[in-house]
Amino acid sequence: MYIHYMVRTQIYLDDAVHARLHELAVRQGRTMSDLIREAIARVFGESNLERRLNTLGAADGLWLDRDDLDDADVYVRRLRHDTRRSRKR
């Protein structure tokens, strides 16, 4: 996903910072690059695209476990039925 929106760059880290990043990356199962990108986004802000993708990711499956909602097909049919009645008037 990132490859089309990323620009490759290089940074120098002292040994202590590098060791902490490496340890955290291993513990979280992430890459050091991912941790650095996240830290930069927190300090300097995210782009609009990143913000939208994060919002979509957070909303994904939001209503998945709800049992008080109809099936999506039933819901859409009901909406279409309601609009059909209003158009016939």
PDB file of N, CA and C in Angstrom:
ATOM      1  N   MET A   1       0.826  -1.184   0.000  1.00  0.00           N
ATOM      2  CA  MET A   1       0.000   0.000   0.000  1.00  0.00           C
ATOM      3  C   MET A   1       0.871   1.249   0.000  1.00  0.00           C
ATOM      4  N   TYR A   2       1.924   1.296   0.764  1.00  0.00           N
ATOM      5  CA  TYR A   2       2.738   2.497   0.889  1.00  0.00           C
ATOM      6  C   TYR A   2       3.594   2.776  -0.339  1.00  0.00           C
ATOM      7  N   ILE A   3       3.970   1.777  -1.078  1.00  0.00           N
ATOM      8  CA  ILE A   3       5.004   1.915  -2.095  1.00  0.00           C
ATOM      9  C   ILE A   3       4.700   3.028  -3.098  1.00  0.00           C
ATOM     10  N   HIS A   4       3.433   3.278  -3.395  1.00  0.00           N
ATOM     11  CA  HIS A   4       3.086   4.285  -4.390  1.00  0.00           C
ATOM     12  C   HIS A   4       3.071   5.695  -3.826  1.00  0.00           C
ATOM     13  N   TYR A   5       3.057   5.822  -2.522  1.00  0.00           N
ATOM     14  CA  TYR A   5       2.949   7.138  -1.906  1.00  0.00           C
ATOM     15  C   TYR A   5       4.199   7.509  -1.114  1.00  0.00           C
ATOM     16  N   MET A   6       5.201   6.668  -1.107  1.00  0.00           N
ATOM     17  CA  MET A   6       6.367   6.875  -0.271  1.00  0.00           C
ATOM     18  C   MET A   6       7.567   7.365  -1.083  1.00  0.00           C
ATOM     19  N   VAL A   7       8.398   8.131  -0.417  1.00  0.00           N
ATOM     20  CA  VAL A   7       9.676   8.554  -0.954  1.00  0.00           C
ATOM     21  C   VAL A   7      10.731   7.964  -0.038  1.00  0.00           C
ATOM     22  N   ARG A   8      11.683   7.275  -0.607  1.00  0.00           N
ATOM     23  CA  ARG A   8      12.716   6.641   0.201  1.00  0.00           C
ATOM     24  C   ARG A   8      13.690   7.692   0.699  1.00  0.00           C
ATOM     25  N   THR A   9      14.038   7.578   1.983  1.00  0.00           N
ATOM     26  CA  THR A   9      15.004   8.500   2.573  1.00  0.00           C
ATOM     27  C   THR A   9      15.883   7.736   3.552  1.00  0.00           C
ATOM     28  N   GLN A  10      16.895   8.381   4.019  1.00  0.00           N
ATOM     29  CA  GLN A  10      17.839   7.730   4.914  1.00  0.00           C
ATOM     30  C   GLN A  10      18.050   8.632   6.126  1.00  0.00           C
ATOM     31  N   ILE A  11      18.110   8.031   7.331  1.00  0.00           N
ATOM     32  CA  ILE A  11      18.383   8.812   8.536  1.00  0.00           C
ATOM     33  C   ILE A  11      19.489   8.123   9.329  1.00  0.00           C
ATOM     34  N   TYR A  12      20.147   8.889  10.151  1.00  0.00           N
ATOM     35  CA  TYR A  12      21.173   8.345  11.033  1.00  0.00           C
ATOM     36  C   TYR A  12      20.634   8.355  12.455  1.00  0.00           C
ATOM     37  N   LEU A  13      20.754   7.228  13.143  1.00  0.00           N
ATOM     38  CA  LEU A  13      20.309   7.095  14.526  1.00  0.00           C
ATOM     39  C   LEU A  13      21.497   6.702  15.388  1.00  0.00           C
ATOM     40  N   ASP A  14      21.501   7.184  16.633  1.00  0.00           N
ATOM     41  CA  ASP A  14      22.565   6.708  17.512  1.00  0.00           C
ATOM     42  C   ASP A  14      22.238   5.279  17.951  1.00  0.00           C
ATOM     43  N   ASP A  15      23.202   4.595  18.499  1.00  0.00           N
ATOM     44  CA  ASP A  15      23.051   3.179  18.839  1.00  0.00           C
ATOM     45  C   ASP A  15      21.895   2.927  19.804  1.00  0.00           C
ATOM     46  N   ALA A  16      21.731   3.798  20.783  1.00  0.00           N
ATOM     47  CA  ALA A  16      20.685   3.596  21.790  1.00  0.00           C
ATOM     48  C   ALA A  16      19.288   3.700  21.167  1.00  0.00           C
ATOM     49  N   VAL A  17      19.063   4.703  20.335  1.00  0.00           N
ATOM     50  CA  VAL A  17      17.757   4.875  19.675  1.00  0.00           C
ATOM     51  C   VAL A  17      17.500   3.711  18.734  1.00  0.00           C
ATOM     52  N   HIS A  18      18.515   3.327  17.989  1.00  0.00           N
ATOM     53  CA  HIS A  18      18.367   2.202  17.066  1.00  0.00           C
ATOM     54  C   HIS A  18      17.999   0.929  17.820  1.00  0.00           C
ATOM     55  N   ALA A  19      18.655   0.685  18.936  1.00  0.00           N
ATOM     56  CA  ALA A  19      18.374  -0.516  19.736  1.00  0.00           C
ATOM     57  C   ALA A  19      16.952  -0.493  20.281  1.00  0.00           C
ATOM     58  N   ARG A  20      16.498   0.665  20.766  1.00  0.00           N
ATOM     59  CA  ARG A  20      15.119   0.772  21.279  1.00  0.00           C
ATOM     60  C   ARG A  20      14.106   0.552  20.175  1.00  0.00           C
ATOM     61  N   LEU A  21      14.349   1.159  19.031  1.00  0.00           N
ATOM     62  CA  LEU A  21      13.430   0.965  17.902  1.00  0.00           C
ATOM     63  C   LEU A  21      13.379  -0.492  17.463  1.00  0.00           C
ATOM     64  N   HIS A  22      14.541  -1.110  17.375  1.00  0.00           N
ATOM     65  CA  HIS A  22      14.612  -2.512  16.960  1.00  0.00           C
ATOM     66  C   HIS A  22      13.859  -3.401  17.946  1.00  0.00           C
ATOM     67  N   GLU A  23      14.064  -3.182  19.230  1.00  0.00           N
ATOM     68  CA  GLU A  23      13.385  -3.981  20.266  1.00  0.00           C
ATOM     69  C   GLU A  23      11.875  -3.803  20.195  1.00  0.00           C
ATOM     70  N   LEU A  24      11.439  -2.572  20.041  1.00  0.00           N
ATOM     71  CA  LEU A  24      10.004  -2.288  19.943  1.00  0.00           C
ATOM     72  C   LEU A  24       9.399  -2.909  18.686  1.00  0.00           C
ATOM     73  N   ALA A  25      10.111  -2.810  17.587  1.00  0.00           N
ATOM     74  CA  ALA A  25       9.619  -3.382  16.326  1.00  0.00           C
ATOM     75  C   ALA A  25       9.449  -4.892  16.447  1.00  0.00           C
ATOM     76  N   VAL A  26      10.425  -5.556  17.058  1.00  0.00           N
ATOM     77  CA  VAL A  26      10.336  -7.013  17.232  1.00  0.00           C
ATOM     78  C   VAL A  26       9.164  -7.350  18.145  1.00  0.00           C
ATOM     79  N   ARG A  27       9.040  -6.616  19.249  1.00  0.00           N
ATOM     80  CA  ARG A  27       7.974  -6.887  20.222  1.00  0.00           C
ATOM     81  C   ARG A  27       6.586  -6.691  19.613  1.00  0.00           C
ATOM     82  N   GLN A  28       6.443  -5.685  18.756  1.00  0.00           N
ATOM     83  CA  GLN A  28       5.140  -5.389  18.159  1.00  0.00           C
ATOM     84  C   GLN A  28       4.917  -6.075  16.818  1.00  0.00           C
ATOM     85  N   GLY A  29       5.935  -6.750  16.319  1.00  0.00           N
ATOM     86  CA  GLY A  29       5.794  -7.406  15.020  1.00  0.00           C
ATOM     87  C   GLY A  29       5.661  -6.416  13.878  1.00  0.00           C
ATOM     88  N   ARG A  30       6.340  -5.285  13.993  1.00  0.00           N
ATOM     89  CA  ARG A  30       6.289  -4.243  12.974  1.00  0.00           C
ATOM     90  C   ARG A  30       7.700  -3.972  12.481  1.00  0.00           C
ATOM     91  N   THR A  31       7.806  -3.144  11.477  1.00  0.00           N
ATOM     92  CA  THR A  31       9.132  -2.759  10.991  1.00  0.00           C
ATOM     93  C   THR A  31       9.557  -1.470  11.689  1.00  0.00           C
ATOM     94  N   MET A  32      10.854  -1.252  11.717  1.00  0.00           N
ATOM     95  CA  MET A  32      11.359  -0.001  12.268  1.00  0.00           C
ATOM     96  C   MET A  32      10.862   1.177  11.432  1.00  0.00           C
ATOM     97  N   SER A  33      10.800   1.000  10.136  1.00  0.00           N
ATOM     98  CA  SER A  33      10.303   2.061   9.251  1.00  0.00           C
ATOM     99  C   SER A  33       8.878   2.451   9.608  1.00  0.00           C
ATOM    100  N   ASP A  34       8.057   1.461   9.900  1.00  0.00           N
ATOM    101  CA  ASP A  34       6.672   1.727  10.262  1.00  0.00           C
ATOM    102  C   ASP A  34       6.602   2.533  11.560  1.00  0.00           C
ATOM    103  N   LEU A  35       7.415   2.175  12.532  1.00  0.00           N
ATOM    104  CA  LEU A  35       7.446   2.912  13.797  1.00  0.00           C
ATOM    105  C   LEU A  35       7.900   4.354  13.582  1.00  0.00           C
ATOM    106  N   ILE A  36       8.903   4.544  12.749  1.00  0.00           N
ATOM    107  CA  ILE A  36       9.406   5.894  12.474  1.00  0.00           C
ATOM    108  C   ILE A  36       8.343   6.722  11.751  1.00  0.00           C
ATOM    109  N   ARG A  37       7.648   6.117  10.763  1.00  0.00           N
ATOM    110  CA  ARG A  37       6.579   6.838  10.045  1.00  0.00           C
ATOM    111  C   ARG A  37       5.472   7.250  11.015  1.00  0.00           C
ATOM    112  N   GLU A  38       5.102   6.331  11.911  1.00  0.00           N
ATOM    113  CA  GLU A  38       4.055   6.638  12.885  1.00  0.00           C
ATOM    114  C   GLU A  38       4.476   7.792  13.797  1.00  0.00           C
ATOM    115  N   ALA A  39       5.725   7.769  14.271  1.00  0.00           N
ATOM    116  CA  ALA A  39       6.216   8.836  15.144  1.00  0.00           C
ATOM    117  C   ALA A  39       6.218  10.181  14.415  1.00  0.00           C
ATOM    118  N   ILE A  40       6.645  10.177  13.172  1.00  0.00           N
ATOM    119  CA  ILE A  40       6.669  11.425  12.390  1.00  0.00           C
ATOM    120  C   ILE A  40       5.249  11.941  12.170  1.00  0.00           C
ATOM    121  N   ALA A  41       4.314  11.045  11.884  1.00  0.00           N
ATOM    122  CA  ALA A  41       2.922  11.451  11.679  1.00  0.00           C
ATOM    123  C   ALA A  41       2.343  12.043  12.963  1.00  0.00           C
ATOM    124  N   ARG A  42       2.714  11.482  14.112  1.00  0.00           N
ATOM    125  CA  ARG A  42       2.208  12.029  15.386  1.00  0.00           C
ATOM    126  C   ARG A  42       2.756  13.426  15.644  1.00  0.00           C
ATOM    127  N   VAL A  43       3.997  13.650  15.305  1.00  0.00           N
ATOM    128  CA  VAL A  43       4.615  14.945  15.578  1.00  0.00           C
ATOM    129  C   VAL A  43       4.211  15.992  14.544  1.00  0.00           C
ATOM    130  N   PHE A  44       4.241  15.629  13.266  1.00  0.00           N
ATOM    131  CA  PHE A  44       4.021  16.596  12.198  1.00  0.00           C
ATOM    132  C   PHE A  44       2.639  16.509  11.569  1.00  0.00           C
ATOM    133  N   GLY A  45       1.840  15.553  11.963  1.00  0.00           N
ATOM    134  CA  GLY A  45       0.496  15.401  11.425  1.00  0.00           C
ATOM    135  C   GLY A  45       0.476  14.480  10.224  1.00  0.00           C
ATOM    136  N   GLU A  46      -0.696  13.930   9.988  1.00  0.00           N
ATOM    137  CA  GLU A  46      -0.884  13.011   8.867  1.00  0.00           C
ATOM    138  C   GLU A  46      -1.411  13.767   7.660  1.00  0.00           C
ATOM    139  N   SER A  47      -1.205  13.192   6.496  1.00  0.00           N
ATOM    140  CA  SER A  47      -1.796  13.766   5.289  1.00  0.00           C
ATOM    141  C   SER A  47      -3.286  13.454   5.290  1.00  0.00           C
ATOM    142  N   ASN A  48      -4.033  14.139   4.457  1.00  0.00           N
ATOM    143  CA  ASN A  48      -5.474  13.881   4.362  1.00  0.00           C
ATOM    144  C   ASN A  48      -5.745  12.445   3.944  1.00  0.00           C
ATOM    145  N   LEU A  49      -4.934  11.916   3.030  1.00  0.00           N
ATOM    146  CA  LEU A  49      -5.128  10.541   2.579  1.00  0.00           C
ATOM    147  C   LEU A  49      -4.933   9.577   3.741  1.00  0.00           C
ATOM    148  N   GLU A  50      -3.870   9.755   4.503  1.00  0.00           N
ATOM    149  CA  GLU A  50      -3.625   8.875   5.634  1.00  0.00           C
ATOM    150  C   GLU A  50      -4.754   8.967   6.646  1.00  0.00           C
ATOM    151  N   ARG A  51      -5.216  10.162   6.908  1.00  0.00           N
ATOM    152  CA  ARG A  51      -6.305  10.354   7.868  1.00  0.00           C
ATOM    153  C   ARG A  51      -7.568   9.635   7.398  1.00  0.00           C
ATOM    154  N   ARG A  52      -7.871   9.758   6.114  1.00  0.00           N
ATOM    155  CA  ARG A  52      -9.061   9.073   5.586  1.00  0.00           C
ATOM    156  C   ARG A  52      -8.907   7.560   5.657  1.00  0.00           C
ATOM    157  N   LEU A  53      -7.725   7.053   5.303  1.00  0.00           N
ATOM    158  CA  LEU A  53      -7.505   5.611   5.372  1.00  0.00           C
ATOM    159  C   LEU A  53      -7.581   5.100   6.803  1.00  0.00           C
ATOM    160  N   ASN A  54      -7.036   5.854   7.735  1.00  0.00           N
ATOM    161  CA  ASN A  54      -7.120   5.463   9.141  1.00  0.00           C
ATOM    162  C   ASN A  54      -8.557   5.470   9.633  1.00  0.00           C
ATOM    163  N   THR A  55      -9.327   6.467   9.220  1.00  0.00           N
ATOM    164  CA  THR A  55     -10.738   6.531   9.609  1.00  0.00           C
ATOM    165  C   THR A  55     -11.508   5.350   9.037  1.00  0.00           C
ATOM    166  N   LEU A  56     -11.278   5.047   7.769  1.00  0.00           N
ATOM    167  CA  LEU A  56     -11.934   3.898   7.157  1.00  0.00           C
ATOM    168  C   LEU A  56     -11.539   2.602   7.848  1.00  0.00           C
ATOM    169  N   GLY A  57     -10.263   2.467   8.168  1.00  0.00           N
ATOM    170  CA  GLY A  57      -9.797   1.273   8.862  1.00  0.00           C
ATOM    171  C   GLY A  57     -10.433   1.123  10.226  1.00  0.00           C
ATOM    172  N   ALA A  58     -10.616   2.232  10.930  1.00  0.00           N
ATOM    173  CA  ALA A  58     -11.230   2.189  12.256  1.00  0.00           C
ATOM    174  C   ALA A  58     -12.713   1.843  12.167  1.00  0.00           C
ATOM    175  N   ALA A  59     -13.364   2.247  11.080  1.00  0.00           N
ATOM    176  CA  ALA A  59     -14.795   1.992  10.926  1.00  0.00           C
ATOM    177  C   ALA A  59     -15.080   0.605  10.352  1.00  0.00           C
ATOM    178  N   ASP A  60     -14.079  -0.036   9.803  1.00  0.00           N
ATOM    179  CA  ASP A  60     -14.259  -1.350   9.187  1.00  0.00           C
ATOM    180  C   ASP A  60     -14.795  -2.351  10.202  1.00  0.00           C
ATOM    181  N   GLY A  61     -15.946  -2.926   9.896  1.00  0.00           N
ATOM    182  CA  GLY A  61     -16.537  -3.941  10.766  1.00  0.00           C
ATOM    183  C   GLY A  61     -17.184  -3.396  12.019  1.00  0.00           C
ATOM    184  N   LEU A  62     -17.427  -2.098  12.051  1.00  0.00           N
ATOM    185  CA  LEU A  62     -17.965  -1.451  13.238  1.00  0.00           C
ATOM    186  C   LEU A  62     -19.289  -2.075  13.695  1.00  0.00           C
ATOM    187  N   TRP A  63     -20.132  -2.437  12.759  1.00  0.00           N
ATOM    188  CA  TRP A  63     -21.431  -2.996  13.110  1.00  0.00           C
ATOM    189  C   TRP A  63     -21.471  -4.508  12.907  1.00  0.00           C
ATOM    190  N   LEU A  64     -20.330  -5.116  12.795  1.00  0.00           N
ATOM    191  CA  LEU A  64     -20.246  -6.534  12.469  1.00  0.00           C
ATOM    192  C   LEU A  64     -21.006  -7.422  13.452  1.00  0.00           C
ATOM    193  N   ASP A  65     -20.912  -7.164  14.736  1.00  0.00           N
ATOM    194  CA  ASP A  65     -21.509  -8.025  15.752  1.00  0.00           C
ATOM    195  C   ASP A  65     -22.899  -7.593  16.182  1.00  0.00           C
ATOM    196  N   ARG A  66     -23.471  -6.621  15.499  1.00  0.00           N
ATOM    197  CA  ARG A  66     -24.811  -6.173  15.888  1.00  0.00           C
ATOM    198  C   ARG A  66     -25.844  -7.153  15.367  1.00  0.00           C
ATOM    199  N   ASP A  67     -26.758  -7.554  16.243  1.00  0.00           N
ATOM    200  CA  ASP A  67     -27.810  -8.483  15.826  1.00  0.00           C
ATOM    201  C   ASP A  67     -29.163  -7.784  15.714  1.00  0.00           C
ATOM    202  N   ASP A  68     -29.205  -6.480  15.973  1.00  0.00           N
ATOM    203  CA  ASP A  68     -30.455  -5.742  15.881  1.00  0.00           C
ATOM    204  C   ASP A  68     -30.673  -5.116  14.507  1.00  0.00           C
ATOM    205  N   LEU A  69     -29.752  -5.355  13.590  1.00  0.00           N
ATOM    206  CA  LEU A  69     -29.852  -4.802  12.245  1.00  0.00           C
ATOM    207  C   LEU A  69     -30.210  -5.899  11.252  1.00  0.00           C
ATOM    208  N   ASP A  70     -30.976  -5.505  10.236  1.00  0.00           N
ATOM    209  CA  ASP A  70     -31.310  -6.462   9.182  1.00  0.00           C
ATOM    210  C   ASP A  70     -30.081  -6.773   8.344  1.00  0.00           C
ATOM    211  N   ASP A  71     -30.206  -7.819   7.567  1.00  0.00           N
ATOM    212  CA  ASP A  71     -29.209  -8.146   6.560  1.00  0.00           C
ATOM    213  C   ASP A  71     -29.130  -6.977   5.580  1.00  0.00           C
ATOM    214  N   ALA A  72     -27.976  -6.729   5.018  1.00  0.00           N
ATOM    215  CA  ALA A  72     -27.788  -5.599   4.104  1.00  0.00           C
ATOM    216  C   ALA A  72     -28.748  -5.656   2.920  1.00  0.00           C
ATOM    217  N   ASP A  73     -28.982  -6.850   2.376  1.00  0.00           N
ATOM    218  CA  ASP A  73     -29.902  -6.973   1.237  1.00  0.00           C
ATOM    219  C   ASP A  73     -31.322  -6.584   1.637  1.00  0.00           C
ATOM    220  N   VAL A  74     -31.748  -7.013   2.810  1.00  0.00           N
ATOM    221  CA  VAL A  74     -33.085  -6.667   3.304  1.00  0.00           C
ATOM    222  C   VAL A  74     -33.190  -5.161   3.505  1.00  0.00           C
ATOM    223  N   TYR A  75     -32.163  -4.569   4.067  1.00  0.00           N
ATOM    224  CA  TYR A  75     -32.144  -3.125   4.312  1.00  0.00           C
ATOM    225  C   TYR A  75     -32.257  -2.342   3.003  1.00  0.00           C
ATOM    226  N   VAL A  76     -31.479  -2.736   2.011  1.00  0.00           N
ATOM    227  CA  VAL A  76     -31.504  -2.038   0.719  1.00  0.00           C
ATOM    228  C   VAL A  76     -32.862  -2.211   0.050  1.00  0.00           C
ATOM    229  N   ARG A  77     -33.422  -3.412   0.099  1.00  0.00           N
ATOM    230  CA  ARG A  77     -34.755  -3.622  -0.495  1.00  0.00           C
ATOM    231  C   ARG A  77     -35.801  -2.744   0.182  1.00  0.00           C
ATOM    232  N   ARG A  78     -35.712  -2.629   1.520  1.00  0.00           N
ATOM    233  CA  ARG A  78     -36.664  -1.797   2.241  1.00  0.00           C
ATOM    234  C   ARG A  78     -36.505  -0.330   1.834  1.00  0.00           C
ATOM    235  N   LEU A  79     -35.275   0.143   1.688  1.00  0.00           N
ATOM    236  CA  LEU A  79     -35.057   1.519   1.249  1.00  0.00           C
ATOM    237  C   LEU A  79     -35.622   1.743  -0.150  1.00  0.00           C
ATOM    238  N   ARG A  80     -35.370   0.807  -1.039  1.00  0.00           N
ATOM    239  CA  ARG A  80     -35.877   0.949  -2.403  1.00  0.00           C
ATOM    240  C   ARG A  80     -37.398   0.922  -2.424  1.00  0.00           C
ATOM    241  N   HIS A  81     -37.978   0.065  -1.607  1.00  0.00           N
ATOM    242  CA  HIS A  81     -39.434  -0.031  -1.536  1.00  0.00           C
ATOM    243  C   HIS A  81     -40.020   1.294  -1.053  1.00  0.00           C
ATOM    244  N   ASP A  82     -39.420   1.893  -0.026  1.00  0.00           N
ATOM    245  CA  ASP A  82     -39.906   3.167   0.498  1.00  0.00           C
ATOM    246  C   ASP A  82     -39.808   4.270  -0.539  1.00  0.00           C
ATOM    247  N   THR A  83     -38.751   4.322  -1.300  1.00  0.00           N
ATOM    248  CA  THR A  83     -38.628   5.380  -2.310  1.00  0.00           C
ATOM    249  C   THR A  83     -39.569   5.133  -3.480  1.00  0.00           C
ATOM    250  N   ARG A  84     -39.845   3.874  -3.764  1.00  0.00           N
ATOM    251  CA  ARG A  84     -40.761   3.543  -4.851  1.00  0.00           C
ATOM    252  C   ARG A  84     -42.154   4.080  -4.529  1.00  0.00           C
ATOM    253  N   ARG A  85     -42.563   3.942  -3.257  1.00  0.00           N
ATOM    254  CA  ARG A  85     -43.884   4.446  -2.863  1.00  0.00           C
ATOM    255  C   ARG A  85     -43.959   5.956  -3.006  1.00  0.00           C
ATOM    256  N   SER A  86     -42.900   6.666  -2.630  1.00  0.00           N
ATOM    257  CA  SER A  86     -42.938   8.120  -2.708  1.00  0.00           C
ATOM    258  C   SER A  86     -42.905   8.624  -4.141  1.00  0.00           C
ATOM    259  N   ARG A  87     -42.303   7.840  -5.045  1.00  0.00           N
ATOM    260  CA  ARG A  87     -42.249   8.261  -6.446  1.00  0.00           C
ATOM    261  C   ARG A  87     -43.577   8.063  -7.149  1.00  0.00           C
ATOM    262  N   LYS A  88     -44.436   7.148  -6.681  1.00  0.00           N
ATOM    263  CA  LYS A  88     -45.718   6.876  -7.338  1.00  0.00           C
ATOM    264  C   LYS A  88     -46.753   7.945  -7.024  1.00  0.00           C
ATOM    265  N   ARG A  89     -46.517   8.747  -5.994  1.00  0.00           N
ATOM    266  CA  ARG A  89     -47.520   9.766  -5.600  1.00  0.00           C
ATOM    267  C   ARG A  89     -47.584  10.906  -6.554  1.00  0.00           C
TER     268      ARG A  89
END
